[in-house]
Amino acid sequence: MNLNLTTGLLGLALAALILLLLRRDHLYVMHALFWVLVAAAAAVLGLWPGLIDRLAAWTGIFYPPTLLLLGGLIVVLVKALHADMLNTRLEREVRRLNQRIAMLEADPPRSAPTPTAGLPVQQRP
């Protein structure tokens, strides 16, 4: 097998693995969409290697693998930024839930009103 076919098959296998993980609920839909797009890009570039050469010529990049590395770096940076945004949101939610739990534990339990509840302290039996 040549390199193009191997890379294309690896991209398709990665897409199948992502769909399997999604089906078994090991991966969220939002994350699976990203990884399916990565697998599709790997399959397309593997089956059509001239595409990266054409894109590099169109953008004015003289060494086509540089475009591939630049694209990969941008994708990794965007993915890291998105992961940090999700992590920040989850930490904020955990902090708020901890504060609610602390407030609920600090409040004394409210019981049913007693007949002497409204009387001043001196008049209670």
N, C-alpha and C. Protein backbone atom coordinates (compact mmCIF):
# COMPACT_ATOMS: atom_id res chain seq x y z
N MET A 1 0.85 -1.19 0.00
CA MET A 1 0.00 0.00 0.00
C MET A 1 0.89 1.24 0.00
N ASN A 2 0.43 2.24 -0.71
CA ASN A 2 1.22 3.47 -0.71
C ASN A 2 0.79 4.37 0.45
N LEU A 3 1.54 5.43 0.64
CA LEU A 3 1.32 6.33 1.78
C LEU A 3 -0.03 7.02 1.70
N ASN A 4 -0.45 7.41 0.51
CA ASN A 4 -1.73 8.13 0.37
C ASN A 4 -2.90 7.26 0.80
N LEU A 5 -2.91 6.03 0.36
CA LEU A 5 -4.00 5.12 0.73
C LEU A 5 -3.98 4.82 2.22
N THR A 6 -2.79 4.62 2.77
CA THR A 6 -2.67 4.34 4.21
C THR A 6 -3.18 5.51 5.04
N THR A 7 -2.80 6.72 4.67
CA THR A 7 -3.25 7.90 5.41
C THR A 7 -4.75 8.08 5.28
N GLY A 8 -5.29 7.87 4.10
CA GLY A 8 -6.73 7.97 3.91
C GLY A 8 -7.49 6.94 4.74
N LEU A 9 -6.98 5.70 4.76
CA LEU A 9 -7.63 4.66 5.55
C LEU A 9 -7.53 4.95 7.05
N LEU A 10 -6.40 5.50 7.49
CA LEU A 10 -6.27 5.87 8.90
C LEU A 10 -7.27 6.97 9.27
N GLY A 11 -7.48 7.92 8.38
CA GLY A 11 -8.47 8.97 8.63
C GLY A 11 -9.88 8.40 8.74
N LEU A 12 -10.22 7.48 7.85
CA LEU A 12 -11.54 6.85 7.91
C LEU A 12 -11.68 5.98 9.16
N ALA A 13 -10.62 5.28 9.55
CA ALA A 13 -10.66 4.48 10.78
C ALA A 13 -10.83 5.37 12.00
N LEU A 14 -10.16 6.52 12.01
CA LEU A 14 -10.32 7.46 13.11
C LEU A 14 -11.75 7.98 13.19
N ALA A 15 -12.35 8.27 12.04
CA ALA A 15 -13.74 8.73 12.03
C ALA A 15 -14.67 7.64 12.56
N ALA A 16 -14.43 6.39 12.18
CA ALA A 16 -15.25 5.29 12.68
C ALA A 16 -15.09 5.13 14.19
N LEU A 17 -13.86 5.27 14.69
CA LEU A 17 -13.62 5.18 16.13
C LEU A 17 -14.34 6.29 16.87
N ILE A 18 -14.31 7.50 16.34
CA ILE A 18 -15.00 8.63 16.97
C ILE A 18 -16.50 8.37 17.03
N LEU A 19 -17.06 7.88 15.95
CA LEU A 19 -18.50 7.59 15.95
C LEU A 19 -18.85 6.48 16.93
N LEU A 20 -17.97 5.49 17.08
CA LEU A 20 -18.19 4.42 18.05
C LEU A 20 -18.15 4.98 19.48
N LEU A 21 -17.17 5.84 19.77
CA LEU A 21 -17.09 6.45 21.10
C LEU A 21 -18.31 7.33 21.38
N LEU A 22 -18.78 8.01 20.37
CA LEU A 22 -19.97 8.84 20.52
C LEU A 22 -21.20 7.97 20.79
N ARG A 23 -21.30 6.88 20.07
CA ARG A 23 -22.46 5.99 20.23
C ARG A 23 -22.49 5.35 21.63
N ARG A 24 -21.32 5.05 22.17
CA ARG A 24 -21.25 4.44 23.51
C ARG A 24 -21.25 5.48 24.62
N ASP A 25 -21.42 6.73 24.26
CA ASP A 25 -21.52 7.85 25.21
C ASP A 25 -20.21 8.07 25.98
N HIS A 26 -19.09 7.82 25.30
CA HIS A 26 -17.78 8.10 25.89
C HIS A 26 -17.26 9.47 25.45
N LEU A 27 -17.98 10.11 24.55
CA LEU A 27 -17.55 11.38 23.98
C LEU A 27 -18.79 12.23 23.73
N TYR A 28 -18.72 13.49 24.13
CA TYR A 28 -19.83 14.40 23.91
C TYR A 28 -19.95 14.72 22.43
N VAL A 29 -21.16 15.07 22.00
CA VAL A 29 -21.41 15.37 20.60
C VAL A 29 -20.55 16.54 20.13
N MET A 30 -20.44 17.56 20.97
CA MET A 30 -19.68 18.74 20.60
C MET A 30 -18.20 18.38 20.33
N HIS A 31 -17.63 17.53 21.17
CA HIS A 31 -16.24 17.12 20.99
C HIS A 31 -16.12 16.16 19.81
N ALA A 32 -17.10 15.30 19.64
CA ALA A 32 -17.05 14.32 18.55
C ALA A 32 -17.08 15.02 17.20
N LEU A 33 -17.84 16.10 17.09
CA LEU A 33 -17.90 16.83 15.82
C LEU A 33 -16.52 17.35 15.44
N PHE A 34 -15.81 17.90 16.40
CA PHE A 34 -14.44 18.38 16.14
C PHE A 34 -13.55 17.25 15.65
N TRP A 35 -13.58 16.12 16.34
CA TRP A 35 -12.69 15.02 15.98
C TRP A 35 -13.08 14.38 14.66
N VAL A 36 -14.36 14.35 14.34
CA VAL A 36 -14.78 13.83 13.03
C VAL A 36 -14.26 14.74 11.92
N LEU A 37 -14.29 16.06 12.16
CA LEU A 37 -13.74 16.99 11.17
C LEU A 37 -12.23 16.79 10.99
N VAL A 38 -11.52 16.54 12.08
CA VAL A 38 -10.08 16.26 12.00
C VAL A 38 -9.84 14.97 11.21
N ALA A 39 -10.63 13.94 11.49
CA ALA A 39 -10.47 12.67 10.78
C ALA A 39 -10.80 12.83 9.29
N ALA A 40 -11.83 13.61 9.00
CA ALA A 40 -12.19 13.85 7.60
C ALA A 40 -11.08 14.61 6.87
N ALA A 41 -10.49 15.59 7.54
CA ALA A 41 -9.38 16.33 6.93
C ALA A 41 -8.19 15.41 6.68
N ALA A 42 -7.91 14.52 7.62
CA ALA A 42 -6.81 13.57 7.43
C ALA A 42 -7.09 12.63 6.26
N ALA A 43 -8.33 12.18 6.15
CA ALA A 43 -8.69 11.29 5.05
C ALA A 43 -8.60 12.01 3.70
N VAL A 44 -9.11 13.24 3.64
CA VAL A 44 -9.07 13.99 2.38
C VAL A 44 -7.63 14.29 1.98
N LEU A 45 -6.81 14.74 2.92
CA LEU A 45 -5.42 15.04 2.59
C LEU A 45 -4.63 13.77 2.26
N GLY A 46 -5.03 12.66 2.85
CA GLY A 46 -4.35 11.40 2.54
C GLY A 46 -4.72 10.88 1.16
N LEU A 47 -5.98 11.00 0.81
CA LEU A 47 -6.43 10.49 -0.49
C LEU A 47 -6.16 11.47 -1.63
N TRP A 48 -6.01 12.75 -1.31
CA TRP A 48 -5.77 13.77 -2.33
C TRP A 48 -4.59 14.64 -1.88
N PRO A 49 -3.37 14.13 -1.98
CA PRO A 49 -2.20 14.86 -1.47
C PRO A 49 -1.89 16.14 -2.24
N GLY A 50 -2.35 16.26 -3.46
CA GLY A 50 -2.11 17.48 -4.23
C GLY A 50 -2.87 18.68 -3.70
N LEU A 51 -3.86 18.43 -2.85
CA LEU A 51 -4.66 19.53 -2.31
C LEU A 51 -3.81 20.47 -1.47
N ILE A 52 -2.93 19.93 -0.65
CA ILE A 52 -2.09 20.79 0.20
C ILE A 52 -1.13 21.61 -0.66
N ASP A 53 -0.68 21.04 -1.78
CA ASP A 53 0.19 21.79 -2.68
C ASP A 53 -0.57 22.95 -3.32
N ARG A 54 -1.79 22.70 -3.73
CA ARG A 54 -2.60 23.77 -4.34
C ARG A 54 -2.94 24.86 -3.34
N LEU A 55 -3.30 24.46 -2.12
CA LEU A 55 -3.61 25.46 -1.10
C LEU A 55 -2.39 26.29 -0.75
N ALA A 56 -1.23 25.65 -0.70
CA ALA A 56 0.00 26.38 -0.40
C ALA A 56 0.33 27.36 -1.51
N ALA A 57 0.17 26.94 -2.76
CA ALA A 57 0.43 27.85 -3.87
C ALA A 57 -0.56 29.01 -3.87
N TRP A 58 -1.81 28.72 -3.55
CA TRP A 58 -2.84 29.76 -3.53
C TRP A 58 -2.59 30.80 -2.43
N THR A 59 -2.07 30.34 -1.27
CA THR A 59 -1.79 31.26 -0.17
C THR A 59 -0.41 31.89 -0.26
N GLY A 60 0.42 31.45 -1.20
CA GLY A 60 1.74 32.03 -1.37
C GLY A 60 2.80 31.40 -0.49
N ILE A 61 2.53 30.24 0.07
CA ILE A 61 3.52 29.53 0.89
C ILE A 61 4.32 28.63 -0.04
N PHE A 62 5.66 28.75 0.01
CA PHE A 62 6.51 28.04 -0.94
C PHE A 62 6.77 26.59 -0.56
N TYR A 63 6.70 26.26 0.71
CA TYR A 63 6.95 24.89 1.16
C TYR A 63 5.64 24.34 1.73
N PRO A 64 4.91 23.50 0.98
CA PRO A 64 3.56 23.07 1.37
C PRO A 64 3.43 22.43 2.75
N PRO A 65 4.40 21.63 3.23
CA PRO A 65 4.23 21.09 4.59
C PRO A 65 4.14 22.17 5.66
N THR A 66 4.68 23.34 5.39
CA THR A 66 4.57 24.44 6.34
C THR A 66 3.11 24.83 6.55
N LEU A 67 2.34 24.83 5.47
CA LEU A 67 0.91 25.14 5.57
C LEU A 67 0.20 24.10 6.43
N LEU A 68 0.58 22.85 6.25
CA LEU A 68 -0.02 21.77 7.05
C LEU A 68 0.31 21.94 8.53
N LEU A 69 1.56 22.25 8.84
CA LEU A 69 1.96 22.47 10.23
C LEU A 69 1.29 23.71 10.82
N LEU A 70 1.20 24.77 10.03
CA LEU A 70 0.54 25.99 10.50
C LEU A 70 -0.94 25.72 10.79
N GLY A 71 -1.59 25.00 9.89
CA GLY A 71 -3.00 24.66 10.11
C GLY A 71 -3.18 23.80 11.35
N GLY A 72 -2.30 22.82 11.54
CA GLY A 72 -2.38 21.98 12.73
C GLY A 72 -2.15 22.77 14.01
N LEU A 73 -1.20 23.69 13.97
CA LEU A 73 -0.93 24.52 15.14
C LEU A 73 -2.13 25.40 15.48
N ILE A 74 -2.75 25.98 14.48
CA ILE A 74 -3.93 26.82 14.71
C ILE A 74 -5.07 26.00 15.30
N VAL A 75 -5.27 24.79 14.77
CA VAL A 75 -6.34 23.93 15.28
C VAL A 75 -6.08 23.56 16.74
N VAL A 76 -4.83 23.24 17.07
CA VAL A 76 -4.50 22.87 18.45
C VAL A 76 -4.69 24.06 19.39
N LEU A 77 -4.30 25.25 18.96
CA LEU A 77 -4.48 26.44 19.79
C LEU A 77 -5.96 26.74 20.02
N VAL A 78 -6.77 26.62 18.99
CA VAL A 78 -8.21 26.86 19.14
C VAL A 78 -8.82 25.82 20.06
N LYS A 79 -8.40 24.57 19.92
CA LYS A 79 -8.92 23.51 20.78
C LYS A 79 -8.52 23.74 22.24
N ALA A 80 -7.29 24.18 22.48
CA ALA A 80 -6.85 24.47 23.84
C ALA A 80 -7.62 25.64 24.44
N LEU A 81 -7.85 26.67 23.65
CA LEU A 81 -8.64 27.81 24.12
C LEU A 81 -10.06 27.39 24.46
N HIS A 82 -10.65 26.57 23.62
CA HIS A 82 -12.01 26.09 23.88
C HIS A 82 -12.05 25.24 25.14
N ALA A 83 -11.05 24.40 25.33
CA ALA A 83 -11.00 23.57 26.54
C ALA A 83 -10.86 24.43 27.79
N ASP A 84 -10.06 25.49 27.72
CA ASP A 84 -9.93 26.40 28.86
C ASP A 84 -11.24 27.12 29.15
N MET A 85 -11.97 27.50 28.10
CA MET A 85 -13.27 28.15 28.31
C MET A 85 -14.24 27.21 29.00
N LEU A 86 -14.28 25.95 28.57
CA LEU A 86 -15.16 24.97 29.21
C LEU A 86 -14.74 24.72 30.65
N ASN A 87 -13.44 24.63 30.89
CA ASN A 87 -12.93 24.40 32.24
C ASN A 87 -13.30 25.56 33.16
N THR A 88 -13.19 26.78 32.67
CA THR A 88 -13.55 27.95 33.46
C THR A 88 -15.03 27.93 33.82
N ARG A 89 -15.87 27.60 32.85
CA ARG A 89 -17.31 27.54 33.10
C ARG A 89 -17.64 26.47 34.14
N LEU A 90 -17.00 25.30 34.03
CA LEU A 90 -17.26 24.23 34.99
C LEU A 90 -16.78 24.60 36.39
N GLU A 91 -15.62 25.25 36.49
CA GLU A 91 -15.13 25.68 37.80
C GLU A 91 -16.07 26.70 38.43
N ARG A 92 -16.61 27.61 37.62
CA ARG A 92 -17.56 28.60 38.12
C ARG A 92 -18.83 27.91 38.64
N GLU A 93 -19.33 26.93 37.89
CA GLU A 93 -20.53 26.21 38.32
C GLU A 93 -20.27 25.43 39.61
N VAL A 94 -19.11 24.80 39.73
CA VAL A 94 -18.78 24.05 40.94
C VAL A 94 -18.69 25.00 42.13
N ARG A 95 -18.07 26.16 41.94
CA ARG A 95 -17.95 27.14 43.02
C ARG A 95 -19.34 27.60 43.48
N ARG A 96 -20.22 27.89 42.53
CA ARG A 96 -21.58 28.33 42.89
C ARG A 96 -22.36 27.23 43.60
N LEU A 97 -22.20 25.99 43.14
CA LEU A 97 -22.89 24.89 43.80
C LEU A 97 -22.36 24.68 45.21
N ASN A 98 -21.05 24.82 45.39
CA ASN A 98 -20.48 24.71 46.74
C ASN A 98 -21.00 25.80 47.65
N GLN A 99 -21.15 27.01 47.13
CA GLN A 99 -21.69 28.10 47.93
C GLN A 99 -23.15 27.82 48.31
N ARG A 100 -23.93 27.29 47.38
CA ARG A 100 -25.32 26.95 47.70
C ARG A 100 -25.40 25.87 48.77
N ILE A 101 -24.56 24.87 48.65
CA ILE A 101 -24.55 23.80 49.66
C ILE A 101 -24.17 24.36 51.02
N ALA A 102 -23.17 25.24 51.06
CA ALA A 102 -22.76 25.84 52.33
C ALA A 102 -23.89 26.68 52.92
N MET A 103 -24.61 27.41 52.09
CA MET A 103 -25.73 28.22 52.61
C MET A 103 -26.85 27.33 53.12
N LEU A 104 -27.13 26.23 52.43
CA LEU A 104 -28.18 25.32 52.89
C LEU A 104 -27.79 24.63 54.18
N GLU A 105 -26.53 24.29 54.33
CA GLU A 105 -26.08 23.64 55.56
C GLU A 105 -26.02 24.63 56.72
N ALA A 106 -25.83 25.90 56.45
CA ALA A 106 -25.74 26.91 57.51
C ALA A 106 -27.11 27.27 58.06
N ASP A 107 -28.15 27.20 57.24
CA ASP A 107 -29.50 27.53 57.70
C ASP A 107 -30.02 26.43 58.62
N PRO A 108 -30.60 26.82 59.78
CA PRO A 108 -31.21 25.79 60.64
C PRO A 108 -32.44 25.23 59.95
N PRO A 109 -32.75 23.99 60.21
CA PRO A 109 -33.94 23.42 59.58
C PRO A 109 -35.19 24.12 60.08
N ARG A 110 -36.06 24.39 59.16
CA ARG A 110 -37.31 25.08 59.51
C ARG A 110 -38.35 24.04 59.86
N SER A 111 -38.91 24.19 61.07
CA SER A 111 -39.93 23.24 61.51
C SER A 111 -41.30 23.89 61.41
N ALA A 112 -42.30 23.12 61.70
CA ALA A 112 -43.68 23.63 61.67
C ALA A 112 -43.85 24.64 62.80
N PRO A 113 -44.66 25.68 62.59
CA PRO A 113 -44.85 26.70 63.65
C PRO A 113 -45.52 26.09 64.87
N THR A 114 -45.05 26.50 66.03
CA THR A 114 -45.63 26.04 67.30
C THR A 114 -46.61 27.10 67.79
N PRO A 115 -47.51 26.73 68.70
CA PRO A 115 -48.49 27.70 69.20
C PRO A 115 -47.85 28.87 69.92
N THR A 116 -46.66 28.69 70.48
CA THR A 116 -46.02 29.79 71.21
C THR A 116 -45.02 30.54 70.36
N ALA A 117 -44.96 30.24 69.09
CA ALA A 117 -43.93 30.83 68.25
C ALA A 117 -44.10 32.34 68.12
N GLY A 118 -45.31 32.85 68.14
CA GLY A 118 -45.52 34.28 67.96
C GLY A 118 -45.51 35.07 69.25
N LEU A 119 -45.47 34.40 70.41
CA LEU A 119 -45.51 35.09 71.70
C LEU A 119 -44.14 35.62 72.07
N PRO A 120 -44.08 36.74 72.77
CA PRO A 120 -42.78 37.21 73.28
C PRO A 120 -42.22 36.19 74.26
N VAL A 121 -40.93 36.26 74.49
CA VAL A 121 -40.23 35.28 75.32
C VAL A 121 -40.79 35.27 76.74
N GLN A 122 -41.17 36.41 77.33
CA GLN A 122 -41.66 36.47 78.71
C GLN A 122 -43.00 35.74 78.85
N GLN A 123 -43.82 35.68 77.83
CA GLN A 123 -45.16 35.08 77.94
C GLN A 123 -45.17 33.60 77.61
N ARG A 124 -44.10 33.02 77.22
CA ARG A 124 -44.09 31.60 76.87
C ARG A 124 -44.10 30.77 78.14
N PRO A 125 -44.78 29.64 78.11
CA PRO A 125 -44.84 28.80 79.31
C PRO A 125 -43.55 28.10 79.61
